[in-house]
C-alpha atoms as a PDB file:
ATOM      1  CA  MET A   1      -0.281   0.078  -0.112  1.00  0.00           C
ATOM      2  CA  ALA A   2       1.169   3.583  -0.974  1.00  0.00           C
ATOM      3  CA  SER A   3       2.420   5.798   2.011  1.00  0.00           C
ATOM      4  CA  GLY A   4       0.874   8.965   2.363  1.00  0.00           C
ATOM      5  CA  PRO A   5       2.851  12.070   2.572  1.00  0.00           C
ATOM      6  CA  ALA A   6       5.213  13.147   5.062  1.00  0.00           C
ATOM      7  CA  GLN A   7       3.274  14.638   8.655  1.00  0.00           C
ATOM      8  CA  THR A   8       4.746  18.345   9.190  1.00  0.00           C
ATOM      9  CA  THR A   9       3.396  20.150  12.509  1.00  0.00           C
ATOM     10  CA  GLY A  10       4.261  23.367  13.725  1.00  0.00           C
ATOM     11  CA  SER A  11       6.555  25.889  11.618  1.00  0.00           C
ATOM     12  CA  ALA A  12      10.369  26.975  11.113  1.00  0.00           C
ATOM     13  CA  GLN A  13       9.898  29.853  13.273  1.00  0.00           C
ATOM     14  CA  ALA A  14      12.077  30.443  16.749  1.00  0.00           C
ATOM     15  CA  THR A  15       8.494  29.776  18.656  1.00  0.00           C
ATOM     16  CA  GLY A  16       9.101  25.916  19.001  1.00  0.00           C
ATOM     17  CA  PRO A  17      10.539  23.332  16.805  1.00  0.00           C
ATOM     18  CA  ALA A  18       8.960  22.057  14.103  1.00  0.00           C
ATOM     19  CA  GLN A  19       8.221  18.311  13.815  1.00  0.00           C
ATOM     20  CA  VAL A  20       8.397  16.437  10.425  1.00  0.00           C
ATOM     21  CA  ARG A  21       7.312  12.268  10.073  1.00  0.00           C
ATOM     22  CA  ALA A  22       9.180  10.775   7.304  1.00  0.00           C
ATOM     23  CA  GLU A  23       7.041   7.742   5.417  1.00  0.00           C
ATOM     24  CA  SER A  24       8.468   4.711   4.092  1.00  0.00           C
ATOM     25  CA  SER A  25       8.449   6.291   0.264  1.00  0.00           C
ATOM     26  CA  ASP A  26      10.635   9.387   1.726  1.00  0.00           C
ATOM     27  CA  ALA A  27      13.369   6.752   2.988  1.00  0.00           C
ATOM     28  CA  GLY A  28      16.487   7.143   1.142  1.00  0.00           C
ATOM     29  CA  GLY A  29      16.810  10.734   0.059  1.00  0.00           C
ATOM     30  CA  ARG A  30      19.225  13.289   1.894  1.00  0.00           C
ATOM     31  CA  VAL A  31      17.603  14.909   4.945  1.00  0.00           C
ATOM     32  CA  ASP A  32      18.589  18.289   3.937  1.00  0.00           C
ATOM     33  CA  ARG A  33      16.643  17.808   1.027  1.00  0.00           C
ATOM     34  CA  PHE A  34      13.708  16.207   2.665  1.00  0.00           C
ATOM     35  CA  LEU A  35      13.317  18.946   5.413  1.00  0.00           C
ATOM     36  CA  ALA A  36      13.766  21.847   2.753  1.00  0.00           C
ATOM     37  CA  ALA A  37      10.685  20.343   1.159  1.00  0.00           C
ATOM     38  CA  ARG A  38       8.700  19.837   4.129  1.00  0.00           C
ATOM     39  CA  LEU A  39       9.832  23.524   5.571  1.00  0.00           C
ATOM     40  CA  PRO A  40       9.700  25.791   2.883  1.00  0.00           C
ATOM     41  CA  ALA A  41      10.638  29.033   4.848  1.00  0.00           C
ATOM     42  CA  LEU A  42      14.094  27.353   5.745  1.00  0.00           C
ATOM     43  CA  SER A  43      16.168  26.833   2.359  1.00  0.00           C
ATOM     44  CA  ARG A  44      18.726  24.084   2.386  1.00  0.00           C
ATOM     45  CA  ALA A  45      21.714  26.328   3.079  1.00  0.00           C
ATOM     46  CA  ARG A  46      19.877  27.289   6.427  1.00  0.00           C
ATOM     47  CA  LEU A  47      19.146  23.570   7.215  1.00  0.00           C
ATOM     48  CA  GLN A  48      22.282  22.929   6.443  1.00  0.00           C
ATOM     49  CA  ALA A  49      23.857  25.487   8.933  1.00  0.00           C
ATOM     50  CA  LEU A  50      21.309  24.176  11.786  1.00  0.00           C
ATOM     51  CA  ILE A  51      22.363  20.453  11.345  1.00  0.00           C
ATOM     52  CA  ALA A  52      25.722  21.514  12.044  1.00  0.00           C
ATOM     53  CA  ALA A  53      24.938  23.295  14.878  1.00  0.00           C
ATOM     54  CA  GLY A  54      23.000  20.232  16.387  1.00  0.00           C
ATOM     55  CA  ALA A  55      19.563  21.724  16.358  1.00  0.00           C
ATOM     56  CA  VAL A  56      18.235  19.195  14.062  1.00  0.00           C
ATOM     57  CA  CYS A  57      17.305  15.953  15.780  1.00  0.00           C
ATOM     58  CA  ARG A  58      15.918  12.365  14.288  1.00  0.00           C
ATOM     59  CA  ASP A  59      14.106  10.586  16.981  1.00  0.00           C
ATOM     60  CA  GLY A  60      16.042  12.589  19.736  1.00  0.00           C
ATOM     61  CA  THR A  61      19.236  12.447  18.604  1.00  0.00           C
ATOM     62  CA  PRO A  62      21.469  15.354  16.757  1.00  0.00           C
ATOM     63  CA  LEU A  63      22.404  15.008  13.592  1.00  0.00           C
ATOM     64  CA  ARG A  64      25.778  15.860  11.827  1.00  0.00           C
ATOM     65  CA  ASP A  65      25.665  15.388   8.463  1.00  0.00           C
ATOM     66  CA  ALA A  66      23.318  16.756   6.071  1.00  0.00           C
ATOM     67  CA  SER A  67      23.725  14.487   3.826  1.00  0.00           C
ATOM     68  CA  GLU A  68      22.659  11.634   5.750  1.00  0.00           C
ATOM     69  CA  ALA A  69      19.757   9.431   4.273  1.00  0.00           C
ATOM     70  CA  VAL A  70      16.150   9.955   5.511  1.00  0.00           C
ATOM     71  CA  ARG A  71      15.158   6.773   7.584  1.00  0.00           C
ATOM     72  CA  GLY A  72      11.054   5.793   7.281  1.00  0.00           C
ATOM     73  CA  GLY A  73       9.575   6.694  10.278  1.00  0.00           C
ATOM     74  CA  ALA A  74      11.877   8.680  11.987  1.00  0.00           C
ATOM     75  CA  LEU A  75      10.679  11.860  13.737  1.00  0.00           C
ATOM     76  CA  TYR A  76      13.027  15.018  12.689  1.00  0.00           C
ATOM     77  CA  MET A  77      12.626  17.916  14.843  1.00  0.00           C
ATOM     78  CA  VAL A  78      14.184  21.311  13.720  1.00  0.00           C
ATOM     79  CA  THR A  79      14.482  23.995  15.918  1.00  0.00           C
ATOM     80  CA  VAL A  80      15.384  27.389  14.933  1.00  0.00           C
ATOM     81  CA  PRO A  81      17.060  29.843  17.731  1.00  0.00           C
ATOM     82  CA  PRO A  82      15.662  33.047  17.939  1.00  0.00           C
ATOM     83  CA  PRO A  83      17.248  35.704  16.053  1.00  0.00           C
ATOM     84  CA  ARG A  84      18.795  38.457  18.139  1.00  0.00           C
ATOM     85  CA  PRO A  85      17.514  41.826  17.330  1.00  0.00           C
ATOM     86  CA  ALA A  86      19.888  44.707  17.344  1.00  0.00           C
ATOM     87  CA  ARG A  87      19.481  48.141  15.823  1.00  0.00           C
ATOM     88  CA  PRO A  88      21.709  48.919  12.863  1.00  0.00           C
ATOM     89  CA  GLU A  89      24.418  51.580  13.722  1.00  0.00           C
ATOM     90  CA  GLY A  90      24.960  54.485  11.921  1.00  0.00           C
ATOM     91  CA  GLN A  91      27.363  54.666   8.823  1.00  0.00           C
ATOM     92  CA  VAL A  92      28.183  57.982   7.046  1.00  0.00           C
ATOM     93  CA  ILE A  93      27.080  57.033   3.629  1.00  0.00           C
ATOM     94  CA  PRO A  94      26.897  59.533   0.809  1.00  0.00           C
ATOM     95  CA  LEU A  95      23.500  60.445  -0.249  1.00  0.00           C
ATOM     96  CA  THR A  96      21.668  62.465  -2.408  1.00  0.00           C
ATOM     97  CA  ILE A  97      18.501  64.344  -0.789  1.00  0.00           C
ATOM     98  CA  LEU A  98      15.879  65.789  -2.608  1.00  0.00           C
ATOM     99  CA  PHE A  99      13.791  66.819   0.119  1.00  0.00           C
ATOM    100  CA  GLU A 100      13.710  66.846   3.747  1.00  0.00           C
ATOM    101  CA  ASP A 101      11.097  68.072   6.866  1.00  0.00           C
ATOM    102  CA  ARG A 102      11.008  67.445  10.165  1.00  0.00           C
ATOM    103  CA  ASP A 103       8.651  64.347   9.003  1.00  0.00           C
ATOM    104  CA  LEU A 104      10.164  62.871   6.079  1.00  0.00           C
ATOM    105  CA  VAL A 105      13.059  62.493   3.772  1.00  0.00           C
ATOM    106  CA  VAL A 106      12.904  62.020   0.003  1.00  0.00           C
ATOM    107  CA  LEU A 107      16.048  60.887  -1.722  1.00  0.00           C
ATOM    108  CA  ASP A 108      17.508  59.567  -4.970  1.00  0.00           C
ATOM    109  CA  LYS A 109      18.880  55.762  -4.443  1.00  0.00           C
ATOM    110  CA  PRO A 110      21.793  54.491  -5.988  1.00  0.00           C
ATOM    111  CA  PRO A 111      21.837  51.417  -7.486  1.00  0.00           C
ATOM    112  CA  GLY A 112      24.165  48.781  -5.598  1.00  0.00           C
ATOM    113  CA  LEU A 113      22.952  50.076  -2.288  1.00  0.00           C
ATOM    114  CA  VAL A 114      20.713  47.641  -0.103  1.00  0.00           C
ATOM    115  CA  VAL A 115      17.563  49.168   1.444  1.00  0.00           C
ATOM    116  CA  HIS A 116      17.755  47.418   4.789  1.00  0.00           C
ATOM    117  CA  PRO A 117      20.049  44.959   6.706  1.00  0.00           C
ATOM    118  CA  ALA A 118      19.235  41.513   6.000  1.00  0.00           C
ATOM    119  CA  PRO A 119      21.376  38.333   6.167  1.00  0.00           C
ATOM    120  CA  GLY A 120      24.196  39.106   3.917  1.00  0.00           C
ATOM    121  CA  ASN A 121      23.974  42.490   4.007  1.00  0.00           C
ATOM    122  CA  GLU A 122      24.287  43.153   7.950  1.00  0.00           C
ATOM    123  CA  ASP A 123      25.590  46.753   7.232  1.00  0.00           C
ATOM    124  CA  GLY A 124      26.435  49.177   4.315  1.00  0.00           C
ATOM    125  CA  THR A 125      22.522  49.926   3.716  1.00  0.00           C
ATOM    126  CA  LEU A 126      20.545  53.172   3.179  1.00  0.00           C
ATOM    127  CA  VAL A 127      19.209  52.442   6.715  1.00  0.00           C
ATOM    128  CA  ASN A 128      22.579  52.613   8.237  1.00  0.00           C
ATOM    129  CA  ALA A 129      23.177  55.781   5.973  1.00  0.00           C
ATOM    130  CA  LEU A 130      19.817  57.403   6.881  1.00  0.00           C
ATOM    131  CA  ILE A 131      20.660  56.570  11.020  1.00  0.00           C
ATOM    132  CA  ALA A 132      23.820  58.536  10.571  1.00  0.00           C
ATOM    133  CA  HIS A 133      22.065  61.225   8.587  1.00  0.00           C
ATOM    134  CA  CYS A 134      18.757  61.561  10.890  1.00  0.00           C
ATOM    135  CA  GLY A 135      20.381  60.951  14.060  1.00  0.00           C
ATOM    136  CA  ALA A 136      17.444  60.183  17.205  1.00  0.00           C
ATOM    137  CA  GLU A 137      14.840  61.305  14.398  1.00  0.00           C
ATOM    138  CA  LEU A 138      14.908  58.181  12.929  1.00  0.00           C
ATOM    139  CA  ALA A 139      13.186  56.392  15.717  1.00  0.00           C
ATOM    140  CA  VAL A 140       9.929  54.531  13.700  1.00  0.00           C
ATOM    141  CA  GLY A 141       9.454  50.970  12.385  1.00  0.00           C
ATOM    142  CA  GLY A 142      11.093  48.406  12.945  1.00  0.00           C
ATOM    143  CA  GLU A 143      14.439  47.357  14.579  1.00  0.00           C
ATOM    144  CA  GLN A 144      15.906  46.470  11.421  1.00  0.00           C
ATOM    145  CA  ARG A 145      13.949  48.874   8.867  1.00  0.00           C
ATOM    146  CA  PRO A 146      13.574  52.053  10.581  1.00  0.00           C
ATOM    147  CA  GLY A 147      11.832  54.946   8.490  1.00  0.00           C
ATOM    148  CA  ILE A 148      11.369  52.320   5.560  1.00  0.00           C
ATOM    149  CA  VAL A 149       8.158  52.263   4.093  1.00  0.00           C
ATOM    150  CA  HIS A 150       8.673  51.193   0.941  1.00  0.00           C
ATOM    151  CA  ARG A 151      11.792  49.429  -0.779  1.00  0.00           C
ATOM    152  CA  LEU A 152      13.692  49.516  -4.131  1.00  0.00           C
ATOM    153  CA  ASP A 153      15.862  46.519  -5.189  1.00  0.00           C
ATOM    154  CA  LYS A 154      19.653  46.894  -4.462  1.00  0.00           C
ATOM    155  CA  ASP A 155      20.439  47.343  -8.050  1.00  0.00           C
ATOM    156  CA  THR A 156      17.756  49.542  -8.951  1.00  0.00           C
ATOM    157  CA  SER A 157      18.261  53.385  -8.720  1.00  0.00           C
ATOM    158  CA  GLY A 158      15.696  56.295  -8.059  1.00  0.00           C
ATOM    159  CA  VAL A 159      13.041  58.003  -6.086  1.00  0.00           C
ATOM    160  CA  MET A 160      12.502  56.897  -2.061  1.00  0.00           C
ATOM    161  CA  VAL A 161      11.020  58.257   0.746  1.00  0.00           C
ATOM    162  CA  ALA A 162      11.673  57.620   4.795  1.00  0.00           C
ATOM    163  CA  ALA A 163       9.754  58.216   7.705  1.00  0.00           C
ATOM    164  CA  LYS A 164      11.077  60.410  10.518  1.00  0.00           C
ATOM    165  CA  THR A 165       7.893  60.383  12.376  1.00  0.00           C
ATOM    166  CA  GLU A 166       5.021  58.117  13.280  1.00  0.00           C
ATOM    167  CA  VAL A 167       3.008  60.395  11.566  1.00  0.00           C
ATOM    168  CA  ALA A 168       4.734  60.164   8.662  1.00  0.00           C
ATOM    169  CA  LEU A 169       5.286  56.330   8.864  1.00  0.00           C
ATOM    170  CA  ALA A 170       1.537  55.647   9.342  1.00  0.00           C
ATOM    171  CA  GLY A 171       0.634  58.552   6.422  1.00  0.00           C
ATOM    172  CA  LEU A 172       3.093  57.180   3.812  1.00  0.00           C
ATOM    173  CA  ALA A 173       2.144  53.519   4.989  1.00  0.00           C
ATOM    174  CA  ALA A 174      -1.314  54.254   4.015  1.00  0.00           C
ATOM    175  CA  ALA A 175      -0.588  55.982   0.934  1.00  0.00           C
ATOM    176  CA  PHE A 176       1.327  53.037  -0.720  1.00  0.00           C
ATOM    177  CA  ALA A 177      -1.005  50.225   0.746  1.00  0.00           C
ATOM    178  CA  GLY A 178      -3.882  52.044  -0.462  1.00  0.00           C
ATOM    179  CA  ARG A 179      -2.391  52.785  -3.821  1.00  0.00           C
ATOM    180  CA  THR A 180      -2.208  56.126  -3.809  1.00  0.00           C
ATOM    181  CA  ALA A 181       1.021  57.309  -4.043  1.00  0.00           C
ATOM    182  CA  ASP A 182       2.240  57.722  -7.635  1.00  0.00           C
ATOM    183  CA  ARG A 183       4.865  55.193  -8.930  1.00  0.00           C
ATOM    184  CA  SER A 184       6.819  55.594 -11.968  1.00  0.00           C
ATOM    185  CA  TYR A 185       9.695  53.785 -13.447  1.00  0.00           C
ATOM    186  CA  LEU A 186      11.898  53.899 -16.019  1.00  0.00           C
ATOM    187  CA  ALA A 187      12.684  50.004 -18.001  1.00  0.00           C
ATOM    188  CA  LEU A 188      15.259  49.282 -20.322  1.00  0.00           C
ATOM    189  CA  VAL A 189      14.013  45.878 -22.300  1.00  0.00           C
ATOM    190  CA  TRP A 190      14.793  43.814 -24.861  1.00  0.00           C
ATOM    191  CA  GLY A 191      12.103  43.831 -27.726  1.00  0.00           C
ATOM    192  CA  CYS A 192       9.089  45.967 -27.730  1.00  0.00           C
ATOM    193  CA  PRO A 193       5.959  45.214 -26.349  1.00  0.00           C
ATOM    194  CA  ALA A 194       2.849  45.044 -28.673  1.00  0.00           C
ATOM    195  CA  PRO A 195       0.589  46.627 -28.029  1.00  0.00           C
ATOM    196  CA  THR A 196       3.032  49.580 -27.214  1.00  0.00           C
ATOM    197  CA  VAL A 197       0.627  51.208 -24.285  1.00  0.00           C
ATOM    198  CA  GLY A 198      -0.880  48.175 -22.368  1.00  0.00           C
ATOM    199  CA  GLU A 199      -1.079  46.729 -18.954  1.00  0.00           C
ATOM    200  CA  ILE A 200       0.257  43.105 -17.571  1.00  0.00           C
ATOM    201  CA  GLU A 201      -1.918  41.754 -14.591  1.00  0.00           C
ATOM    202  CA  GLY A 202      -0.913  38.121 -12.821  1.00  0.00           C
ATOM    203  CA  PRO A 203      -0.298  37.221  -9.498  1.00  0.00           C
ATOM    204  CA  ILE A 204       2.907  37.050  -8.259  1.00  0.00           C
ATOM    205  CA  GLY A 205       4.580  34.722  -5.393  1.00  0.00           C
ATOM    206  CA  ARG A 206       7.617  32.944  -4.887  1.00  0.00           C
ATOM    207  CA  ASP A 207       8.914  30.614  -7.775  1.00  0.00           C
ATOM    208  CA  PRO A 208       8.026  27.224  -6.514  1.00  0.00           C
ATOM    209  CA  ARG A 209      11.103  25.848  -8.445  1.00  0.00           C
ATOM    210  CA  ASP A 210      13.834  28.691  -7.288  1.00  0.00           C
ATOM    211  CA  ARG A 211      13.683  30.857  -4.222  1.00  0.00           C
ATOM    212  CA  LYS A 212      15.493  33.600  -5.706  1.00  0.00           C
ATOM    213  CA  ARG A 213      12.775  34.102  -8.068  1.00  0.00           C
ATOM    214  CA  MET A 214       9.072  35.390  -7.823  1.00  0.00           C
ATOM    215  CA  ALA A 215       6.878  34.222 -10.771  1.00  0.00           C
ATOM    216  CA  ILE A 216       3.543  34.747 -11.981  1.00  0.00           C
ATOM    217  CA  ARG A 217       1.480  32.473  -9.926  1.00  0.00           C
ATOM    218  CA  PRO A 218      -1.991  32.247 -12.011  1.00  0.00           C
ATOM    219  CA  HIS A 219      -3.165  28.610  -9.830  1.00  0.00           C
ATOM    220  CA  GLY A 220      -2.846  30.001  -6.108  1.00  0.00           C
ATOM    221  CA  GLY A 221       0.414  31.153  -4.084  1.00  0.00           C
ATOM    222  CA  GLY A 222       0.408  34.957  -5.683  1.00  0.00           C
ATOM    223  CA  ARG A 223      -0.784  38.245  -4.677  1.00  0.00           C
ATOM    224  CA  GLU A 224      -2.568  40.010  -7.198  1.00  0.00           C
ATOM    225  CA  ALA A 225      -0.683  42.379  -9.499  1.00  0.00           C
ATOM    226  CA  LEU A 226      -0.763  45.014 -12.172  1.00  0.00           C
ATOM    227  CA  THR A 227       1.831  47.042 -14.030  1.00  0.00           C
ATOM    228  CA  ARG A 228       1.135  49.605 -16.557  1.00  0.00           C
ATOM    229  CA  TYR A 229       3.508  50.165 -19.273  1.00  0.00           C
ATOM    230  CA  ARG A 230       3.985  52.749 -22.439  1.00  0.00           C
ATOM    231  CA  THR A 231       6.715  52.660 -24.674  1.00  0.00           C
ATOM    232  CA  LEU A 232       8.644  55.544 -24.691  1.00  0.00           C
ATOM    233  CA  ARG A 233      11.264  55.198 -27.619  1.00  0.00           C
ATOM    234  CA  ALA A 234      12.513  51.772 -29.463  1.00  0.00           C
ATOM    235  CA  TRP A 235      15.871  51.019 -31.106  1.00  0.00           C
ATOM    236  CA  ALA A 236      17.310  48.869 -33.622  1.00  0.00           C
ATOM    237  CA  GLY A 237      13.801  48.017 -35.079  1.00  0.00           C
ATOM    238  CA  GLY A 238      12.313  47.319 -32.075  1.00  0.00           C
ATOM    239  CA  ALA A 239      15.354  44.989 -30.460  1.00  0.00           C
ATOM    240  CA  VAL A 240      15.387  47.397 -27.525  1.00  0.00           C
ATOM    241  CA  SER A 241      12.885  49.239 -26.168  1.00  0.00           C
ATOM    242  CA  LEU A 242      12.614  52.278 -23.044  1.00  0.00           C
ATOM    243  CA  LEU A 243       9.366  52.313 -21.034  1.00  0.00           C
ATOM    244  CA  GLU A 244       7.609  53.914 -18.511  1.00  0.00           C
ATOM    245  CA  CYS A 245       5.805  51.481 -16.077  1.00  0.00           C
ATOM    246  CA  ARG A 246       3.293  52.561 -13.281  1.00  0.00           C
ATOM    247  CA  LEU A 247       2.737  50.497 -10.615  1.00  0.00           C
ATOM    248  CA  ALA A 248      -0.631  49.995  -9.702  1.00  0.00           C
ATOM    249  CA  THR A 249       0.483  47.334  -6.907  1.00  0.00           C
ATOM    250  CA  GLY A 250       3.982  47.251  -5.347  1.00  0.00           C
ATOM    251  CA  ARG A 251       5.087  43.457  -5.311  1.00  0.00           C
ATOM    252  CA  THR A 252       8.771  41.794  -5.122  1.00  0.00           C
ATOM    253  CA  HIS A 253      10.346  42.165  -8.639  1.00  0.00           C
ATOM    254  CA  GLN A 254       7.053  43.228 -10.118  1.00  0.00           C
ATOM    255  CA  ILE A 255       8.218  44.962 -13.140  1.00  0.00           C
ATOM    256  CA  ARG A 256      11.224  42.472 -13.806  1.00  0.00           C
ATOM    257  CA  VAL A 257       8.710  39.793 -13.267  1.00  0.00           C
ATOM    258  CA  HIS A 258       5.956  41.188 -15.455  1.00  0.00           C
ATOM    259  CA  LEU A 259       8.162  42.230 -18.250  1.00  0.00           C
ATOM    260  CA  ALA A 260      10.317  38.704 -18.360  1.00  0.00           C
ATOM    261  CA  ALA A 261       6.476  37.012 -18.833  1.00  0.00           C
ATOM    262  CA  ARG A 262       5.723  38.831 -21.465  1.00  0.00           C
ATOM    263  CA  GLY A 263       8.908  38.182 -23.544  1.00  0.00           C
ATOM    264  CA  HIS A 264      10.507  41.643 -22.528  1.00  0.00           C
ATOM    265  CA  PRO A 265      13.120  41.432 -19.777  1.00  0.00           C
ATOM    266  CA  LEU A 266      14.777  44.377 -18.545  1.00  0.00           C
ATOM    267  CA  VAL A 267      18.541  44.781 -20.000  1.00  0.00           C
ATOM    268  CA  GLY A 268      21.218  43.703 -17.517  1.00  0.00           C
ATOM    269  CA  ASP A 269      18.475  41.637 -15.443  1.00  0.00           C
ATOM    270  CA  PRO A 270      20.978  38.632 -13.283  1.00  0.00           C
ATOM    271  CA  VAL A 271      17.578  36.764 -11.983  1.00  0.00           C
ATOM    272  CA  TYR A 272      14.937  36.852 -15.271  1.00  0.00           C
ATOM    273  CA  LEU A 273      17.411  37.386 -18.184  1.00  0.00           C
ATOM    274  CA  ARG A 274      18.572  33.639 -18.444  1.00  0.00           C
ATOM    275  CA  ARG A 275      19.887  33.760 -22.596  1.00  0.00           C
ATOM    276  CA  VAL A 276      21.076  35.803 -24.636  1.00  0.00           C
ATOM    277  CA  PRO A 277      17.820  37.330 -26.166  1.00  0.00           C
ATOM    278  CA  ALA A 278      17.109  36.592 -29.612  1.00  0.00           C
ATOM    279  CA  GLN A 279      16.883  40.482 -30.006  1.00  0.00           C
ATOM    280  CA  ALA A 280      20.740  40.938 -29.560  1.00  0.00           C
ATOM    281  CA  ARG A 281      21.601  38.572 -32.371  1.00  0.00           C
ATOM    282  CA  GLY A 282      20.826  41.561 -35.061  1.00  0.00           C
ATOM    283  CA  LEU A 283      22.831  44.202 -33.116  1.00  0.00           C
ATOM    284  CA  GLU A 284      26.079  46.256 -33.875  1.00  0.00           C
ATOM    285  CA  ALA A 285      28.888  43.946 -32.250  1.00  0.00           C
ATOM    286  CA  GLY A 286      29.934  46.604 -29.929  1.00  0.00           C
ATOM    287  CA  LEU A 287      26.420  48.301 -28.848  1.00  0.00           C
ATOM    288  CA  ARG A 288      25.317  44.430 -28.552  1.00  0.00           C
ATOM    289  CA  GLY A 289      28.341  43.855 -26.209  1.00  0.00           C
ATOM    290  CA  ARG A 290      27.890  47.031 -23.946  1.00  0.00           C
ATOM    291  CA  LEU A 291      24.160  45.756 -23.631  1.00  0.00           C
ATOM    292  CA  LEU A 292      24.748  42.415 -22.747  1.00  0.00           C
ATOM    293  CA  ASP A 293      27.614  43.318 -20.153  1.00  0.00           C
ATOM    294  CA  PHE A 294      25.567  45.996 -18.380  1.00  0.00           C
ATOM    295  CA  PRO A 295      25.906  44.947 -14.848  1.00  0.00           C
ATOM    296  CA  ARG A 296      22.376  45.102 -13.431  1.00  0.00           C
ATOM    297  CA  GLN A 297      18.720  45.361 -14.464  1.00  0.00           C
ATOM    298  CA  ALA A 298      18.281  48.789 -16.069  1.00  0.00           C
ATOM    299  CA  LEU A 299      15.559  49.547 -14.015  1.00  0.00           C
ATOM    300  CA  HIS A 300      15.290  53.169 -12.562  1.00  0.00           C
ATOM    301  CA  ALA A 301      12.461  54.689 -10.368  1.00  0.00           C
ATOM    302  CA  ALA A 302      12.390  58.107 -12.021  1.00  0.00           C
ATOM    303  CA  ARG A 303       9.068  59.710 -10.540  1.00  0.00           C
ATOM    304  CA  LEU A 304       7.267  59.207  -6.799  1.00  0.00           C
ATOM    305  CA  GLY A 305       4.309  61.581  -5.797  1.00  0.00           C
ATOM    306  CA  PHE A 306       3.002  61.520  -2.934  1.00  0.00           C
ATOM    307  CA  VAL A 307       0.333  63.678  -0.240  1.00  0.00           C
ATOM    308  CA  HIS A 308       2.368  64.890   2.741  1.00  0.00           C
ATOM    309  CA  PRO A 309       1.065  63.200   5.750  1.00  0.00           C
ATOM    310  CA  ARG A 310       1.057  66.287   7.862  1.00  0.00           C
ATOM    311  CA  THR A 311       0.577  69.063   5.774  1.00  0.00           C
ATOM    312  CA  GLY A 312      -1.830  67.778   3.089  1.00  0.00           C
ATOM    313  CA  ALA A 313       0.309  69.114   0.232  1.00  0.00           C
ATOM    314  CA  ALA A 314       0.974  67.023  -2.961  1.00  0.00           C
ATOM    315  CA  LEU A 315       4.654  66.216  -3.165  1.00  0.00           C
ATOM    316  CA  ALA A 316       6.372  64.991  -6.485  1.00  0.00           C
ATOM    317  CA  PHE A 317      10.038  64.348  -7.067  1.00  0.00           C
ATOM    318  CA  GLU A 318      11.452  63.200 -10.111  1.00  0.00           C
ATOM    319  CA  THR A 319      15.636  62.060 -10.917  1.00  0.00           C
ATOM    320  CA  PRO A 320      16.927  61.116 -14.473  1.00  0.00           C
ATOM    321  CA  PRO A 321      18.668  57.778 -14.568  1.00  0.00           C
ATOM    322  CA  PRO A 322      22.140  57.258 -13.088  1.00  0.00           C
ATOM    323  CA  PRO A 323      25.401  57.805 -15.067  1.00  0.00           C
ATOM    324  CA  ASP A 324      25.284  53.869 -16.365  1.00  0.00           C
ATOM    325  CA  MET A 325      21.873  53.752 -17.343  1.00  0.00           C
ATOM    326  CA  ALA A 326      22.035  57.230 -19.040  1.00  0.00           C
ATOM    327  CA  ALA A 327      25.367  56.126 -20.844  1.00  0.00           C
ATOM    328  CA  LEU A 328      23.643  52.765 -22.109  1.00  0.00           C
ATOM    329  CA  LEU A 329      20.657  55.448 -23.469  1.00  0.00           C
ATOM    330  CA  ALA A 330      22.769  57.625 -25.118  1.00  0.00           C
ATOM    331  CA  ALA A 331      24.782  54.525 -27.022  1.00  0.00           C
ATOM    332  CA  LEU A 332      21.678  53.698 -28.183  1.00  0.00           C
ATOM    333  CA  ASP A 333      20.978  56.724 -29.514  1.00  0.00           C
ATOM    334  CA  ALA A 334      24.462  57.160 -31.253  1.00  0.00           C
ATOM    335  CA  ALA A 335      23.819  54.236 -32.905  1.00  0.00           C
ATOM    336  CA  ALA A 336      20.363  55.063 -34.112  1.00  0.00           C
ATOM    337  CA  GLU A 337      21.911  58.856 -35.230  1.00  0.00           C
ATOM    338  CA  GLY A 338      24.585  56.712 -37.249  1.00  0.00           C
ATOM    339  CA  PRO A 339      27.968  58.389 -37.817  1.00  0.00           C
ATOM    340  CA  ARG A 340      27.776  62.260 -38.469  1.00  0.00           C
ATOM    341  CA  GLU A 341      29.175  64.103 -41.116  1.00  0.00           C
ATOM    342  CA  GLY A 342      33.025  63.898 -41.679  1.00  0.00           C
ATOM    343  CA  GLN A 343      33.048  60.878 -39.570  1.00  0.00           C
ATOM    344  CA  PRO A 344      33.880  57.397 -41.411  1.00  0.00           C
END
């Protein structure tokens, strides 16, 4: 008789150990893979570290080898130690401030700057810079994310706002949650969407095959997401185009996921551009190389508008693309114009 699925109780949180009962059909596989499949909140790397620390037991006996074979009928218990909360420290990191008053600060985030501390990026973040810049004024929000009401990916540049007071935190959070904040992005993509003006709708959630990616999940596991776009410029017969994208929702990697799903991944995207796009084949070698070698997703948060949570004033801020993306756009324009008079 076929066995049923492994039984799981609890969750992989610090509130208590998670228990997983292996069935006979699970026997023989690696224990780290087995537990990662049953406890999706924990990566294999995290489970391997927990096993090495003696935090994973089989029938009460701590495991020491993540490659050990699963034993059918065994009860596996995973205990995740509680995190040690620590407020990030201020670090002097140059910031481009667009606006600041007693309630909030608006800035132009450069590419390469992580917004808040996280595993692998414990310091050198925008939060560290804001703490140094604002001092004791930045005392709202979570311990690891003081002042943060929205995020940009590490390698996405552009306009952000951070709260300095409870009034600002509540008002800005409501604006983003209620979709009244106006957010506009510039995205350089492969190909040219048809139609050139439109919208992309599809629920976004974690990619079940790759934990580092998000994906459209039409059959459950995703949250509603809507991106509106219009084509601003196209080059080389539509091989590359510049889009303005407006967010009706704010899901992780939303623009990147939606455009990639339509067959128009962002130039330079290290996650959603997995192979050389067909549109690159007909480009001049030098331009093709510049596009393929662009080291990050070509995405810039160009505009942010919102109502000031204290004064009620309508505020809007715009910034041009940073130097690397601006140079790439200039190279596309130069290639489209061709050689000037007097040049070979």
